[in-house]
Amino acid sequence: MEEMLQGVANFGFPIIVSAYLLIRMENKMENLQKAIVDLSRTIERINQK
């Protein structure tokens, strides 16, 4: 039982931190994707004139 608690203590925290960072990164990646799409559309409009 003690070994199991030690395993959770050793691996649980890094897993939680990693999951938290991935969730935050996902939102930022979506915003970046939207910005790239908007930039592409703007460049297309400028080139069509």
C-alpha atoms as a PDB file:
ATOM      1  CA  MET A   1       0.000   0.000   0.000  1.00  0.00           C
ATOM      2  CA  GLU A   2       2.800   2.378   0.854  1.00  0.00           C
ATOM      3  CA  GLU A   3       4.487   1.718  -2.495  1.00  0.00           C
ATOM      4  CA  MET A   4       1.267   2.579  -4.301  1.00  0.00           C
ATOM      5  CA  LEU A   5       0.986   5.902  -2.468  1.00  0.00           C
ATOM      6  CA  GLN A   6       4.618   6.642  -3.263  1.00  0.00           C
ATOM      7  CA  GLY A   7       3.958   5.883  -6.943  1.00  0.00           C
ATOM      8  CA  VAL A   8       0.970   8.247  -6.998  1.00  0.00           C
ATOM      9  CA  ALA A   9       3.050  10.929  -5.303  1.00  0.00           C
ATOM     10  CA  ASN A  10       5.895  10.490  -7.776  1.00  0.00           C
ATOM     11  CA  PHE A  11       3.818  10.274 -10.965  1.00  0.00           C
ATOM     12  CA  GLY A  12       0.511  11.932 -10.069  1.00  0.00           C
ATOM     13  CA  PHE A  13       1.838  15.462  -9.756  1.00  0.00           C
ATOM     14  CA  PRO A  14       3.711  15.467 -13.097  1.00  0.00           C
ATOM     15  CA  ILE A  15       0.666  13.998 -14.829  1.00  0.00           C
ATOM     16  CA  ILE A  16      -1.614  16.680 -13.393  1.00  0.00           C
ATOM     17  CA  VAL A  17       0.798  19.470 -14.327  1.00  0.00           C
ATOM     18  CA  SER A  18       1.195  18.066 -17.847  1.00  0.00           C
ATOM     19  CA  ALA A  19      -2.563  17.794 -18.334  1.00  0.00           C
ATOM     20  CA  TYR A  20      -3.058  21.361 -17.083  1.00  0.00           C
ATOM     21  CA  LEU A  21      -0.403  22.705 -19.447  1.00  0.00           C
ATOM     22  CA  LEU A  22      -1.815  20.772 -22.408  1.00  0.00           C
ATOM     23  CA  ILE A  23      -5.287  22.166 -21.761  1.00  0.00           C
ATOM     24  CA  ARG A  24      -3.912  25.712 -21.610  1.00  0.00           C
ATOM     25  CA  MET A  25      -1.807  25.154 -24.732  1.00  0.00           C
ATOM     26  CA  GLU A  26      -4.808  23.841 -26.667  1.00  0.00           C
ATOM     27  CA  ASN A  27      -6.652  27.128 -26.205  1.00  0.00           C
ATOM     28  CA  LYS A  28      -3.621  29.130 -27.299  1.00  0.00           C
ATOM     29  CA  MET A  29      -3.114  26.884 -30.329  1.00  0.00           C
ATOM     30  CA  GLU A  30      -6.742  27.408 -31.381  1.00  0.00           C
ATOM     31  CA  ASN A  31      -6.297  31.176 -31.112  1.00  0.00           C
ATOM     32  CA  LEU A  32      -3.096  30.973 -33.152  1.00  0.00           C
ATOM     33  CA  GLN A  33      -4.840  28.912 -35.819  1.00  0.00           C
ATOM     34  CA  LYS A  34      -7.634  31.492 -36.069  1.00  0.00           C
ATOM     35  CA  ALA A  35      -5.083  34.293 -36.391  1.00  0.00           C
ATOM     36  CA  ILE A  36      -3.260  32.446 -39.185  1.00  0.00           C
ATOM     37  CA  VAL A  37      -6.517  31.872 -41.070  1.00  0.00           C
ATOM     38  CA  ASP A  38      -7.442  35.556 -40.710  1.00  0.00           C
ATOM     39  CA  LEU A  39      -3.996  36.598 -41.902  1.00  0.00           C
ATOM     40  CA  SER A  40      -4.254  34.301 -44.920  1.00  0.00           C
ATOM     41  CA  ARG A  41      -7.641  35.761 -45.850  1.00  0.00           C
ATOM     42  CA  THR A  42      -6.309  39.295 -45.515  1.00  0.00           C
ATOM     43  CA  ILE A  43      -3.310  38.515 -47.719  1.00  0.00           C
ATOM     44  CA  GLU A  44      -5.616  36.969 -50.343  1.00  0.00           C
ATOM     45  CA  ARG A  45      -7.790  40.099 -50.366  1.00  0.00           C
ATOM     46  CA  ILE A  46      -4.753  42.348 -50.787  1.00  0.00           C
ATOM     47  CA  ASN A  47      -3.397  40.228 -53.641  1.00  0.00           C
ATOM     48  CA  GLN A  48      -6.754  40.255 -55.471  1.00  0.00           C
ATOM     49  CA  LYS A  49      -6.828  44.060 -55.744  1.00  0.00           C
END
